[in-house]
Amino acid sequence: MPSQKSKSPKAETLHFTARVVHKNLEGGFFALYTDDGRRFQPINLAAPYRRDGLVVEVTATTTPDLVTFQQHGLPVHIKTIRIVDDSQVGKGENTR
């Protein structure tokens, strides 16, 4: 009998601008929200970027086989990140 290889989803590279949002759920975590309504859960968001309201430009790869406790957006692994705007940092929860 021929073996069947499972076809797991392939990782994709994404480039987007998003607002960093802190969520008080499951012990708290950070998410990335884009203006067009997409939500991402960054797996490796470095401490300097963990600021609610920060707008960042990101290049990331999807992690299609990863499941998280939060289940809040598509999990991504950040490759590059750059601050675009920090004028709204700390002005309340940015949940749009």
C-alpha atoms as a PDB file:
ATOM      1  CA  MET A   1       0.000   0.000   0.000  1.00  0.00           C
ATOM      2  CA  PRO A   2       1.501   3.404  -0.918  1.00  0.00           C
ATOM      3  CA  SER A   3       2.203   5.710   1.995  1.00  0.00           C
ATOM      4  CA  GLN A   4       0.269   8.914   2.205  1.00  0.00           C
ATOM      5  CA  LYS A   5       2.147  11.956   3.378  1.00  0.00           C
ATOM      6  CA  SER A   6       0.074  14.305   5.452  1.00  0.00           C
ATOM      7  CA  LYS A   7      -0.118  17.726   3.935  1.00  0.00           C
ATOM      8  CA  SER A   8       0.229  20.134   6.810  1.00  0.00           C
ATOM      9  CA  PRO A   9      -0.338  23.790   6.003  1.00  0.00           C
ATOM     10  CA  LYS A  10       2.728  25.581   4.695  1.00  0.00           C
ATOM     11  CA  ALA A  11       4.183  28.545   6.575  1.00  0.00           C
ATOM     12  CA  GLU A  12       3.714  31.890   4.829  1.00  0.00           C
ATOM     13  CA  THR A  13       5.630  35.133   5.151  1.00  0.00           C
ATOM     14  CA  LEU A  14       3.427  38.142   5.933  1.00  0.00           C
ATOM     15  CA  HIS A  15       4.135  41.875   6.001  1.00  0.00           C
ATOM     16  CA  PHE A  16       1.670  44.140   7.826  1.00  0.00           C
ATOM     17  CA  THR A  17       1.208  47.173  10.063  1.00  0.00           C
ATOM     18  CA  ALA A  18      -0.647  46.559  13.325  1.00  0.00           C
ATOM     19  CA  ARG A  19      -1.497  47.951  16.739  1.00  0.00           C
ATOM     20  CA  VAL A  20      -0.149  46.074  19.763  1.00  0.00           C
ATOM     21  CA  VAL A  21      -3.036  45.231  22.096  1.00  0.00           C
ATOM     22  CA  HIS A  22      -2.720  43.810  25.609  1.00  0.00           C
ATOM     23  CA  LYS A  23      -5.495  41.351  26.461  1.00  0.00           C
ATOM     24  CA  ASN A  24      -6.319  40.450  30.083  1.00  0.00           C
ATOM     25  CA  LEU A  25      -7.219  36.856  29.308  1.00  0.00           C
ATOM     26  CA  GLU A  26      -5.485  33.616  30.332  1.00  0.00           C
ATOM     27  CA  GLY A  27      -2.951  35.502  32.456  1.00  0.00           C
ATOM     28  CA  GLY A  28      -2.564  38.298  29.907  1.00  0.00           C
ATOM     29  CA  PHE A  29      -0.940  38.355  26.486  1.00  0.00           C
ATOM     30  CA  PHE A  30      -0.248  40.662  23.558  1.00  0.00           C
ATOM     31  CA  ALA A  31      -1.981  40.521  20.196  1.00  0.00           C
ATOM     32  CA  LEU A  32      -1.491  42.432  16.954  1.00  0.00           C
ATOM     33  CA  TYR A  33      -4.568  44.011  15.298  1.00  0.00           C
ATOM     34  CA  THR A  34      -4.482  45.335  11.739  1.00  0.00           C
ATOM     35  CA  ASP A  35      -6.738  48.097  10.424  1.00  0.00           C
ATOM     36  CA  ASP A  36      -8.430  45.607   8.083  1.00  0.00           C
ATOM     37  CA  GLY A  37      -9.554  43.432  11.012  1.00  0.00           C
ATOM     38  CA  ARG A  38      -6.928  40.684  11.021  1.00  0.00           C
ATOM     39  CA  ARG A  39      -5.642  39.487  14.396  1.00  0.00           C
ATOM     40  CA  PHE A  40      -2.290  37.871  15.034  1.00  0.00           C
ATOM     41  CA  GLN A  41      -0.792  36.314  18.126  1.00  0.00           C
ATOM     42  CA  PRO A  42       2.957  36.997  18.133  1.00  0.00           C
ATOM     43  CA  ILE A  43       4.870  34.082  19.618  1.00  0.00           C
ATOM     44  CA  ASN A  44       8.103  36.013  20.144  1.00  0.00           C
ATOM     45  CA  LEU A  45       7.175  39.676  20.729  1.00  0.00           C
ATOM     46  CA  ALA A  46      10.247  41.224  22.381  1.00  0.00           C
ATOM     47  CA  ALA A  47       9.821  43.226  25.609  1.00  0.00           C
ATOM     48  CA  PRO A  48      10.412  46.688  24.045  1.00  0.00           C
ATOM     49  CA  TYR A  49       7.350  46.141  21.822  1.00  0.00           C
ATOM     50  CA  ARG A  50       5.014  44.895  24.564  1.00  0.00           C
ATOM     51  CA  ARG A  51       3.250  48.239  24.917  1.00  0.00           C
ATOM     52  CA  ASP A  52      -0.507  48.537  24.486  1.00  0.00           C
ATOM     53  CA  GLY A  53      -1.279  51.032  21.723  1.00  0.00           C
ATOM     54  CA  LEU A  54       2.088  50.829  19.945  1.00  0.00           C
ATOM     55  CA  VAL A  55       1.822  50.724  16.147  1.00  0.00           C
ATOM     56  CA  VAL A  56       4.403  48.496  14.484  1.00  0.00           C
ATOM     57  CA  GLU A  57       5.385  47.314  11.031  1.00  0.00           C
ATOM     58  CA  VAL A  58       6.020  43.567  11.040  1.00  0.00           C
ATOM     59  CA  THR A  59       7.399  40.850   8.829  1.00  0.00           C
ATOM     60  CA  ALA A  60       6.407  37.468  10.238  1.00  0.00           C
ATOM     61  CA  THR A  61       5.926  33.849   9.295  1.00  0.00           C
ATOM     62  CA  THR A  62       2.801  31.910  10.074  1.00  0.00           C
ATOM     63  CA  THR A  63       3.046  28.884  12.354  1.00  0.00           C
ATOM     64  CA  PRO A  64       0.166  26.764  11.029  1.00  0.00           C
ATOM     65  CA  ASP A  65       0.795  23.720  13.230  1.00  0.00           C
ATOM     66  CA  LEU A  66       0.895  25.702  16.490  1.00  0.00           C
ATOM     67  CA  VAL A  67      -2.077  25.778  18.848  1.00  0.00           C
ATOM     68  CA  THR A  68      -2.133  28.260  21.744  1.00  0.00           C
ATOM     69  CA  PHE A  69      -4.163  28.511  24.946  1.00  0.00           C
ATOM     70  CA  GLN A  70      -5.350  31.994  24.010  1.00  0.00           C
ATOM     71  CA  GLN A  71      -6.610  31.062  20.521  1.00  0.00           C
ATOM     72  CA  HIS A  72      -6.744  34.749  19.699  1.00  0.00           C
ATOM     73  CA  GLY A  73      -5.691  35.313  16.135  1.00  0.00           C
ATOM     74  CA  LEU A  74      -3.249  33.532  13.870  1.00  0.00           C
ATOM     75  CA  PRO A  75       0.010  32.618  15.669  1.00  0.00           C
ATOM     76  CA  VAL A  76       3.039  34.208  13.968  1.00  0.00           C
ATOM     77  CA  HIS A  77       6.785  34.236  14.506  1.00  0.00           C
ATOM     78  CA  ILE A  78       8.161  37.782  14.115  1.00  0.00           C
ATOM     79  CA  LYS A  79      11.157  38.099  11.794  1.00  0.00           C
ATOM     80  CA  THR A  80      11.433  41.912  11.786  1.00  0.00           C
ATOM     81  CA  ILE A  81       9.573  44.627  13.669  1.00  0.00           C
ATOM     82  CA  ARG A  82       9.762  48.417  13.546  1.00  0.00           C
ATOM     83  CA  ILE A  83       7.918  51.071  15.570  1.00  0.00           C
ATOM     84  CA  VAL A  84       5.704  53.281  13.394  1.00  0.00           C
ATOM     85  CA  ASP A  85       3.836  55.296  16.067  1.00  0.00           C
ATOM     86  CA  ASP A  86       4.044  55.348  19.860  1.00  0.00           C
ATOM     87  CA  SER A  87       1.694  58.298  20.496  1.00  0.00           C
ATOM     88  CA  GLN A  88      -1.181  56.089  21.743  1.00  0.00           C
ATOM     89  CA  VAL A  89       0.838  53.895  24.124  1.00  0.00           C
ATOM     90  CA  GLY A  90      -0.773  53.579  27.553  1.00  0.00           C
ATOM     91  CA  LYS A  91      -4.045  55.316  26.658  1.00  0.00           C
ATOM     92  CA  GLY A  92      -6.301  52.432  27.668  1.00  0.00           C
ATOM     93  CA  GLU A  93      -7.068  49.089  26.079  1.00  0.00           C
ATOM     94  CA  ASN A  94      -7.004  49.379  22.278  1.00  0.00           C
ATOM     95  CA  THR A  95      -9.493  46.702  21.285  1.00  0.00           C
ATOM     96  CA  ARG A  96     -10.969  48.117  18.088  1.00  0.00           C
END
